[in-house]
C-alpha atoms as a PDB file:
ATOM      1  CA  UNK A   1     -11.171  10.692 -75.409  1.00  0.00           C
ATOM      2  CA  UNK A   2     -12.306   7.190 -74.705  1.00  0.00           C
ATOM      3  CA  UNK A   3     -14.263   6.897 -77.910  1.00  0.00           C
ATOM      4  CA  UNK A   4     -11.068   7.413 -79.900  1.00  0.00           C
ATOM      5  CA  UNK A   5      -9.142   5.052 -77.657  1.00  0.00           C
ATOM      6  CA  UNK A   6     -11.714   2.257 -78.088  1.00  0.00           C
ATOM      7  CA  UNK A   7     -11.849   3.001 -81.802  1.00  0.00           C
ATOM      8  CA  UNK A   8      -8.098   2.168 -82.094  1.00  0.00           C
ATOM      9  CA  UNK A   9      -8.272  -0.747 -79.713  1.00  0.00           C
ATOM     10  CA  UNK A  10     -11.171  -2.470 -81.494  1.00  0.00           C
ATOM     11  CA  UNK A  11      -9.640  -1.909 -84.884  1.00  0.00           C
ATOM     12  CA  UNK A  12      -6.358  -3.519 -83.729  1.00  0.00           C
ATOM     13  CA  UNK A  13      -8.178  -6.446 -82.023  1.00  0.00           C
ATOM     14  CA  UNK A  14     -10.263  -7.123 -85.139  1.00  0.00           C
ATOM     15  CA  UNK A  15      -7.045  -7.013 -87.319  1.00  0.00           C
ATOM     16  CA  UNK A  16      -5.154  -9.439 -84.921  1.00  0.00           C
ATOM     17  CA  UNK A  17      -7.798 -12.066 -84.374  1.00  0.00           C
ATOM     18  CA  UNK A  18      -5.571 -14.908 -85.632  1.00  0.00           C
ATOM     19  CA  UNK A  19      -2.716 -13.416 -83.701  1.00  0.00           C
ATOM     20  CA  UNK A  20      -4.591 -14.073 -80.427  1.00  0.00           C
ATOM     21  CA  UNK A  21      -4.861 -17.793 -81.364  1.00  0.00           C
ATOM     22  CA  UNK A  22      -1.072 -17.916 -82.097  1.00  0.00           C
ATOM     23  CA  UNK A  23      -0.258 -16.132 -78.889  1.00  0.00           C
ATOM     24  CA  UNK A  24      -2.637 -18.428 -76.870  1.00  0.00           C
ATOM     25  CA  UNK A  25      -0.875 -21.545 -78.292  1.00  0.00           C
ATOM     26  CA  UNK A  26       2.531 -19.930 -77.443  1.00  0.00           C
ATOM     27  CA  UNK A  27       1.602 -19.300 -73.816  1.00  0.00           C
ATOM     28  CA  UNK A  28       0.080 -22.860 -73.497  1.00  0.00           C
ATOM     29  CA  UNK A  29       3.515 -24.058 -74.557  1.00  0.00           C
ATOM     30  CA  UNK A  30       5.288 -21.736 -72.072  1.00  0.00           C
ATOM     31  CA  UNK A  31       2.894 -22.977 -69.365  1.00  0.00           C
ATOM     32  CA  UNK A  32       3.565 -26.677 -69.850  1.00  0.00           C
ATOM     33  CA  UNK A  33       7.291 -26.257 -70.587  1.00  0.00           C
ATOM     34  CA  UNK A  34       7.635 -23.899 -67.560  1.00  0.00           C
ATOM     35  CA  UNK A  35       5.889 -26.403 -65.336  1.00  0.00           C
ATOM     36  CA  UNK A  36       8.643 -28.946 -65.910  1.00  0.00           C
ATOM     37  CA  UNK A  37      11.378 -26.364 -65.293  1.00  0.00           C
ATOM     38  CA  UNK A  38       9.698 -24.882 -62.206  1.00  0.00           C
ATOM     39  CA  UNK A  39       9.044 -28.411 -60.710  1.00  0.00           C
ATOM     40  CA  UNK A  40      12.676 -29.482 -61.386  1.00  0.00           C
ATOM     41  CA  UNK A  41      13.909 -26.157 -59.908  1.00  0.00           C
ATOM     42  CA  UNK A  42      12.203 -26.683 -56.570  1.00  0.00           C
ATOM     43  CA  UNK A  43      12.985 -30.425 -56.499  1.00  0.00           C
ATOM     44  CA  UNK A  44      16.708 -29.653 -56.764  1.00  0.00           C
ATOM     45  CA  UNK A  45      17.076 -26.741 -54.343  1.00  0.00           C
ATOM     46  CA  UNK A  46      20.754 -26.443 -53.386  1.00  0.00           C
ATOM     47  CA  UNK A  47      21.808 -28.226 -56.532  1.00  0.00           C
ATOM     48  CA  UNK A  48      20.386 -25.932 -59.180  1.00  0.00           C
ATOM     49  CA  UNK A  49      22.723 -26.589 -62.058  1.00  0.00           C
ATOM     50  CA  UNK A  50      21.384 -24.897 -65.167  1.00  0.00           C
ATOM     51  CA  UNK A  51      17.705 -25.142 -64.106  1.00  0.00           C
ATOM     52  CA  UNK A  52      17.707 -21.798 -62.402  1.00  0.00           C
ATOM     53  CA  UNK A  53      19.162 -20.176 -65.540  1.00  0.00           C
ATOM     54  CA  UNK A  54      16.448 -21.753 -67.696  1.00  0.00           C
ATOM     55  CA  UNK A  55      13.690 -20.777 -65.363  1.00  0.00           C
ATOM     56  CA  UNK A  56      14.802 -17.175 -65.095  1.00  0.00           C
ATOM     57  CA  UNK A  57      15.347 -16.917 -68.913  1.00  0.00           C
ATOM     58  CA  UNK A  58      11.975 -18.436 -69.707  1.00  0.00           C
ATOM     59  CA  UNK A  59      10.079 -16.138 -67.315  1.00  0.00           C
ATOM     60  CA  UNK A  60      11.962 -13.072 -68.547  1.00  0.00           C
ATOM     61  CA  UNK A  61      11.453 -13.845 -72.221  1.00  0.00           C
ATOM     62  CA  UNK A  62       7.847 -14.987 -72.009  1.00  0.00           C
ATOM     63  CA  UNK A  63       6.732 -12.100 -69.852  1.00  0.00           C
ATOM     64  CA  UNK A  64       8.591  -9.417 -71.769  1.00  0.00           C
ATOM     65  CA  UNK A  65       6.276  -9.875 -74.767  1.00  0.00           C
ATOM     66  CA  UNK A  66       3.070 -10.865 -72.973  1.00  0.00           C
ATOM     67  CA  UNK A  67       1.479  -7.399 -73.666  1.00  0.00           C
ATOM     68  CA  UNK A  68       1.659  -7.981 -77.434  1.00  0.00           C
ATOM     69  CA  UNK A  69      -0.245 -10.260 -79.811  1.00  0.00           C
ATOM     70  CA  UNK A  70       1.747 -12.114 -82.510  1.00  0.00           C
ATOM     71  CA  UNK A  71      -0.218 -10.559 -85.418  1.00  0.00           C
ATOM     72  CA  UNK A  72       0.918 -10.424 -89.038  1.00  0.00           C
ATOM     73  CA  UNK A  73       2.411  -6.963 -88.424  1.00  0.00           C
ATOM     74  CA  UNK A  74       5.312  -8.587 -86.569  1.00  0.00           C
ATOM     75  CA  UNK A  75       6.355 -10.940 -89.456  1.00  0.00           C
ATOM     76  CA  UNK A  76       8.532  -8.415 -91.276  1.00  0.00           C
ATOM     77  CA  UNK A  77       8.235  -5.100 -89.437  1.00  0.00           C
ATOM     78  CA  UNK A  78      12.009  -4.496 -89.680  1.00  0.00           C
ATOM     79  CA  UNK A  79      11.585  -4.302 -93.476  1.00  0.00           C
ATOM     80  CA  UNK A  80       8.101  -2.860 -93.884  1.00  0.00           C
ATOM     81  CA  UNK A  81       8.354  -0.311 -91.012  1.00  0.00           C
ATOM     82  CA  UNK A  82       4.659  -1.005 -90.570  1.00  0.00           C
ATOM     83  CA  UNK A  83       4.478   0.620 -87.146  1.00  0.00           C
ATOM     84  CA  UNK A  84       5.773   4.025 -88.442  1.00  0.00           C
ATOM     85  CA  UNK A  85       3.234   3.848 -91.320  1.00  0.00           C
ATOM     86  CA  UNK A  86       0.450   3.047 -88.930  1.00  0.00           C
ATOM     87  CA  UNK A  87       1.388   5.867 -86.561  1.00  0.00           C
ATOM     88  CA  UNK A  88       1.639   8.313 -89.461  1.00  0.00           C
ATOM     89  CA  UNK A  89      -1.898   7.369 -90.493  1.00  0.00           C
ATOM     90  CA  UNK A  90      -3.277   7.705 -86.947  1.00  0.00           C
ATOM     91  CA  UNK A  91      -1.526  11.085 -86.536  1.00  0.00           C
ATOM     92  CA  UNK A  92      -3.449  12.253 -89.561  1.00  0.00           C
ATOM     93  CA  UNK A  93      -6.759  11.621 -87.786  1.00  0.00           C
ATOM     94  CA  UNK A  94      -8.283  13.881 -85.083  1.00  0.00           C
ATOM     95  CA  UNK A  95      -6.652  11.725 -82.433  1.00  0.00           C
ATOM     96  CA  UNK A  96      -4.289  13.169 -79.778  1.00  0.00           C
ATOM     97  CA  UNK A  97      -0.907  11.591 -78.988  1.00  0.00           C
ATOM     98  CA  UNK A  98      -2.178  11.077 -75.423  1.00  0.00           C
ATOM     99  CA  UNK A  99      -5.012   8.951 -76.841  1.00  0.00           C
ATOM    100  CA  UNK A 100      -2.626   6.957 -78.965  1.00  0.00           C
ATOM    101  CA  UNK A 101      -0.541   6.116 -75.937  1.00  0.00           C
ATOM    102  CA  UNK A 102      -3.635   5.251 -73.813  1.00  0.00           C
ATOM    103  CA  UNK A 103      -4.908   3.014 -76.659  1.00  0.00           C
ATOM    104  CA  UNK A 104      -1.600   1.155 -76.728  1.00  0.00           C
ATOM    105  CA  UNK A 105      -1.611   0.669 -72.930  1.00  0.00           C
ATOM    106  CA  UNK A 106      -5.211  -0.559 -72.988  1.00  0.00           C
ATOM    107  CA  UNK A 107      -4.305  -3.154 -75.651  1.00  0.00           C
ATOM    108  CA  UNK A 108      -1.204  -4.183 -73.516  1.00  0.00           C
ATOM    109  CA  UNK A 109      -3.639  -4.548 -70.542  1.00  0.00           C
ATOM    110  CA  UNK A 110      -6.071  -6.705 -72.459  1.00  0.00           C
ATOM    111  CA  UNK A 111      -3.398  -8.947 -73.889  1.00  0.00           C
ATOM    112  CA  UNK A 112      -1.678  -9.219 -70.474  1.00  0.00           C
ATOM    113  CA  UNK A 113      -4.815 -10.385 -68.664  1.00  0.00           C
ATOM    114  CA  UNK A 114      -5.748 -12.957 -71.381  1.00  0.00           C
ATOM    115  CA  UNK A 115      -2.229 -14.492 -71.799  1.00  0.00           C
ATOM    116  CA  UNK A 116      -1.531 -14.367 -68.006  1.00  0.00           C
ATOM    117  CA  UNK A 117      -4.650 -16.447 -67.360  1.00  0.00           C
ATOM    118  CA  UNK A 118      -3.443 -18.911 -69.962  1.00  0.00           C
ATOM    119  CA  UNK A 119       0.034 -19.056 -68.406  1.00  0.00           C
ATOM    120  CA  UNK A 120      -0.490 -18.762 -64.639  1.00  0.00           C
ATOM    121  CA  UNK A 121      -3.743 -20.601 -63.848  1.00  0.00           C
ATOM    122  CA  UNK A 122      -2.738 -24.002 -65.190  1.00  0.00           C
ATOM    123  CA  UNK A 123       0.880 -23.547 -64.075  1.00  0.00           C
ATOM    124  CA  UNK A 124      -0.236 -23.540 -60.362  1.00  0.00           C
ATOM    125  CA  UNK A 125      -1.882 -26.902 -60.639  1.00  0.00           C
ATOM    126  CA  UNK A 126       0.572 -28.735 -62.918  1.00  0.00           C
ATOM    127  CA  UNK A 127       3.848 -27.618 -61.236  1.00  0.00           C
ATOM    128  CA  UNK A 128       5.037 -28.040 -57.628  1.00  0.00           C
ATOM    129  CA  UNK A 129       3.956 -24.403 -56.924  1.00  0.00           C
ATOM    130  CA  UNK A 130       0.647 -25.638 -55.435  1.00  0.00           C
ATOM    131  CA  UNK A 131       2.665 -27.453 -52.786  1.00  0.00           C
ATOM    132  CA  UNK A 132       4.909 -24.454 -52.039  1.00  0.00           C
ATOM    133  CA  UNK A 133       2.515 -21.520 -52.208  1.00  0.00           C
ATOM    134  CA  UNK A 134      -0.959 -20.925 -50.868  1.00  0.00           C
ATOM    135  CA  UNK A 135      -3.547 -19.511 -53.331  1.00  0.00           C
ATOM    136  CA  UNK A 136      -3.021 -16.024 -51.900  1.00  0.00           C
ATOM    137  CA  UNK A 137       0.736 -16.285 -52.159  1.00  0.00           C
ATOM    138  CA  UNK A 138       0.512 -17.632 -55.728  1.00  0.00           C
ATOM    139  CA  UNK A 139      -1.691 -14.629 -56.699  1.00  0.00           C
ATOM    140  CA  UNK A 140       1.086 -12.363 -55.438  1.00  0.00           C
ATOM    141  CA  UNK A 141       3.718 -14.394 -57.307  1.00  0.00           C
ATOM    142  CA  UNK A 142       1.608 -14.191 -60.566  1.00  0.00           C
ATOM    143  CA  UNK A 143       0.894 -10.488 -60.121  1.00  0.00           C
ATOM    144  CA  UNK A 144       4.624  -9.792 -59.542  1.00  0.00           C
ATOM    145  CA  UNK A 145       5.575 -11.380 -62.806  1.00  0.00           C
ATOM    146  CA  UNK A 146       2.595  -9.832 -64.587  1.00  0.00           C
ATOM    147  CA  UNK A 147       3.925  -6.381 -63.417  1.00  0.00           C
ATOM    148  CA  UNK A 148       7.347  -7.310 -64.849  1.00  0.00           C
ATOM    149  CA  UNK A 149       5.578  -8.044 -68.083  1.00  0.00           C
ATOM    150  CA  UNK A 150       3.584  -4.782 -67.997  1.00  0.00           C
ATOM    151  CA  UNK A 151       6.680  -2.730 -67.321  1.00  0.00           C
ATOM    152  CA  UNK A 152       8.630  -4.490 -70.088  1.00  0.00           C
ATOM    153  CA  UNK A 153       5.777  -4.113 -72.572  1.00  0.00           C
ATOM    154  CA  UNK A 154       5.599  -0.284 -71.914  1.00  0.00           C
ATOM    155  CA  UNK A 155       9.254   0.031 -72.788  1.00  0.00           C
ATOM    156  CA  UNK A 156       8.749  -2.086 -75.909  1.00  0.00           C
ATOM    157  CA  UNK A 157       5.686   0.042 -76.778  1.00  0.00           C
ATOM    158  CA  UNK A 158       7.912   3.131 -76.511  1.00  0.00           C
ATOM    159  CA  UNK A 159      10.320   1.675 -78.946  1.00  0.00           C
ATOM    160  CA  UNK A 160       7.609   0.504 -81.264  1.00  0.00           C
ATOM    161  CA  UNK A 161       6.098   3.958 -81.462  1.00  0.00           C
ATOM    162  CA  UNK A 162       9.200   6.085 -81.356  1.00  0.00           C
ATOM    163  CA  UNK A 163      11.540   4.692 -84.062  1.00  0.00           C
ATOM    164  CA  UNK A 164      11.900   2.730 -87.204  1.00  0.00           C
ATOM    165  CA  UNK A 165      11.294  -0.942 -87.743  1.00  0.00           C
ATOM    166  CA  UNK A 166      14.988  -1.666 -87.902  1.00  0.00           C
ATOM    167  CA  UNK A 167      15.730   0.150 -84.703  1.00  0.00           C
ATOM    168  CA  UNK A 168      12.935  -1.700 -82.969  1.00  0.00           C
ATOM    169  CA  UNK A 169      14.307  -5.034 -84.306  1.00  0.00           C
ATOM    170  CA  UNK A 170      17.723  -4.395 -82.917  1.00  0.00           C
ATOM    171  CA  UNK A 171      16.262  -3.296 -79.640  1.00  0.00           C
ATOM    172  CA  UNK A 172      14.459  -6.668 -79.444  1.00  0.00           C
ATOM    173  CA  UNK A 173      17.679  -8.509 -80.184  1.00  0.00           C
ATOM    174  CA  UNK A 174      19.619  -6.570 -77.536  1.00  0.00           C
ATOM    175  CA  UNK A 175      16.804  -7.262 -75.099  1.00  0.00           C
ATOM    176  CA  UNK A 176      17.032 -10.976 -75.594  1.00  0.00           C
ATOM    177  CA  UNK A 177      20.797 -10.852 -75.149  1.00  0.00           C
ATOM    178  CA  UNK A 178      20.182  -8.777 -71.947  1.00  0.00           C
ATOM    179  CA  UNK A 179      17.749 -11.355 -70.599  1.00  0.00           C
ATOM    180  CA  UNK A 180      20.330 -14.081 -71.150  1.00  0.00           C
ATOM    181  CA  UNK A 181      23.072 -12.011 -69.564  1.00  0.00           C
ATOM    182  CA  UNK A 182      20.876 -11.243 -66.472  1.00  0.00           C
ATOM    183  CA  UNK A 183      19.834 -14.927 -66.195  1.00  0.00           C
ATOM    184  CA  UNK A 184      23.525 -15.993 -66.484  1.00  0.00           C
ATOM    185  CA  UNK A 185      24.628 -13.504 -63.780  1.00  0.00           C
ATOM    186  CA  UNK A 186      21.787 -14.627 -61.516  1.00  0.00           C
ATOM    187  CA  UNK A 187      22.900 -18.242 -61.995  1.00  0.00           C
ATOM    188  CA  UNK A 188      26.569 -17.397 -61.347  1.00  0.00           C
ATOM    189  CA  UNK A 189      25.669 -15.447 -58.147  1.00  0.00           C
ATOM    190  CA  UNK A 190      23.170 -18.183 -57.035  1.00  0.00           C
ATOM    191  CA  UNK A 191      20.381 -15.597 -56.941  1.00  0.00           C
ATOM    192  CA  UNK A 192      17.464 -17.063 -58.923  1.00  0.00           C
ATOM    193  CA  UNK A 193      14.816 -14.569 -59.970  1.00  0.00           C
ATOM    194  CA  UNK A 194      12.052 -17.200 -59.940  1.00  0.00           C
ATOM    195  CA  UNK A 195      13.170 -18.647 -56.586  1.00  0.00           C
ATOM    196  CA  UNK A 196      13.362 -15.327 -54.887  1.00  0.00           C
ATOM    197  CA  UNK A 197      10.037 -14.159 -56.316  1.00  0.00           C
ATOM    198  CA  UNK A 198       8.483 -17.225 -54.688  1.00  0.00           C
ATOM    199  CA  UNK A 199      10.257 -16.400 -51.390  1.00  0.00           C
ATOM    200  CA  UNK A 200       9.083 -12.809 -51.710  1.00  0.00           C
ATOM    201  CA  UNK A 201       5.470 -13.869 -52.187  1.00  0.00           C
ATOM    202  CA  UNK A 202       5.738 -16.316 -49.332  1.00  0.00           C
ATOM    203  CA  UNK A 203       7.018 -13.647 -46.898  1.00  0.00           C
ATOM    204  CA  UNK A 204       5.038 -10.573 -48.023  1.00  0.00           C
ATOM    205  CA  UNK A 205       1.732 -12.181 -49.172  1.00  0.00           C
ATOM    206  CA  UNK A 206      -0.643  -9.811 -50.842  1.00  0.00           C
ATOM    207  CA  UNK A 207       1.507  -6.887 -49.868  1.00  0.00           C
ATOM    208  CA  UNK A 208       3.991  -8.075 -52.516  1.00  0.00           C
ATOM    209  CA  UNK A 209       1.232  -7.672 -55.099  1.00  0.00           C
ATOM    210  CA  UNK A 210       0.316  -4.262 -53.861  1.00  0.00           C
ATOM    211  CA  UNK A 211       3.879  -3.001 -53.979  1.00  0.00           C
ATOM    212  CA  UNK A 212       4.404  -4.374 -57.433  1.00  0.00           C
ATOM    213  CA  UNK A 213       1.161  -2.738 -58.677  1.00  0.00           C
ATOM    214  CA  UNK A 214       2.216   0.647 -57.221  1.00  0.00           C
ATOM    215  CA  UNK A 215       5.638   0.389 -58.872  1.00  0.00           C
ATOM    216  CA  UNK A 216       3.953  -0.598 -62.173  1.00  0.00           C
ATOM    217  CA  UNK A 217       1.586   2.385 -61.995  1.00  0.00           C
ATOM    218  CA  UNK A 218       4.488   4.751 -61.468  1.00  0.00           C
ATOM    219  CA  UNK A 219       6.411   3.122 -64.259  1.00  0.00           C
ATOM    220  CA  UNK A 220       3.389   3.522 -66.574  1.00  0.00           C
ATOM    221  CA  UNK A 221       3.124   7.214 -65.672  1.00  0.00           C
ATOM    222  CA  UNK A 222       6.772   7.780 -66.513  1.00  0.00           C
ATOM    223  CA  UNK A 223       6.865   5.772 -69.709  1.00  0.00           C
ATOM    224  CA  UNK A 224       3.500   7.090 -70.813  1.00  0.00           C
ATOM    225  CA  UNK A 225       4.801  10.676 -70.601  1.00  0.00           C
ATOM    226  CA  UNK A 226       8.013   9.686 -72.401  1.00  0.00           C
ATOM    227  CA  UNK A 227       6.121   7.965 -75.138  1.00  0.00           C
ATOM    228  CA  UNK A 228       3.699  10.868 -75.569  1.00  0.00           C
ATOM    229  CA  UNK A 229       6.496  13.403 -75.838  1.00  0.00           C
ATOM    230  CA  UNK A 230       8.435  11.203 -78.310  1.00  0.00           C
ATOM    231  CA  UNK A 231       5.489  10.817 -80.605  1.00  0.00           C
ATOM    232  CA  UNK A 232       4.761  14.555 -80.522  1.00  0.00           C
ATOM    233  CA  UNK A 233       8.378  15.389 -81.452  1.00  0.00           C
ATOM    234  CA  UNK A 234       8.956  12.540 -83.894  1.00  0.00           C
ATOM    235  CA  UNK A 235      10.118  13.333 -87.410  1.00  0.00           C
ATOM    236  CA  UNK A 236       8.565  11.033 -90.094  1.00  0.00           C
ATOM    237  CA  UNK A 237      10.593  12.347 -93.044  1.00  0.00           C
ATOM    238  CA  UNK A 238      13.226   9.838 -94.357  1.00  0.00           C
END
């Protein structure tokens, strides 16, 4: 089983080597841009204005794609339907659908760890978060948002493997609109996601990280089964 999984993972990593560099630059940008927003957010507590909206939107958008590398496959996938063609090729090999799902989740895990390190380690030192959170509390804060990214990435992986490039494109567009709507509602109700995740990390400590990891594991089990069943039942004929 694992030999097939690593065969897929290594092939994708080799094919996306420039994508890792692009993604790294992107998360360096998110880190520095986010440091200004987060610092401004906690300097203006009680007078949030639009800063809370920007903070929530940035975290939701940046973490939602953290499990993916910006490789050449994403340049025109809605036209080329490259993911369907790739899946069709892999299904022709002696590789089970379960191994395909595991390989995708391993890739998500690798990308998540690399990009999270680029995003969260410098963010602690260049924003006000080092004054607000202890190292242990910040680890919980980072793990919480990494779990959000992992859960989101699993849903995107389901769509990537289960439908056409056009349907995946529209799902991505609707997701961005959804993140904007959620951020707007949180701003309207004065319930900032970033603010309350900091409060949760302060109050719960490492327990917050444990709870998030358990939820993510259950989420992965559910979406893994969903993705596996969808791939097995998927029709490739146009």
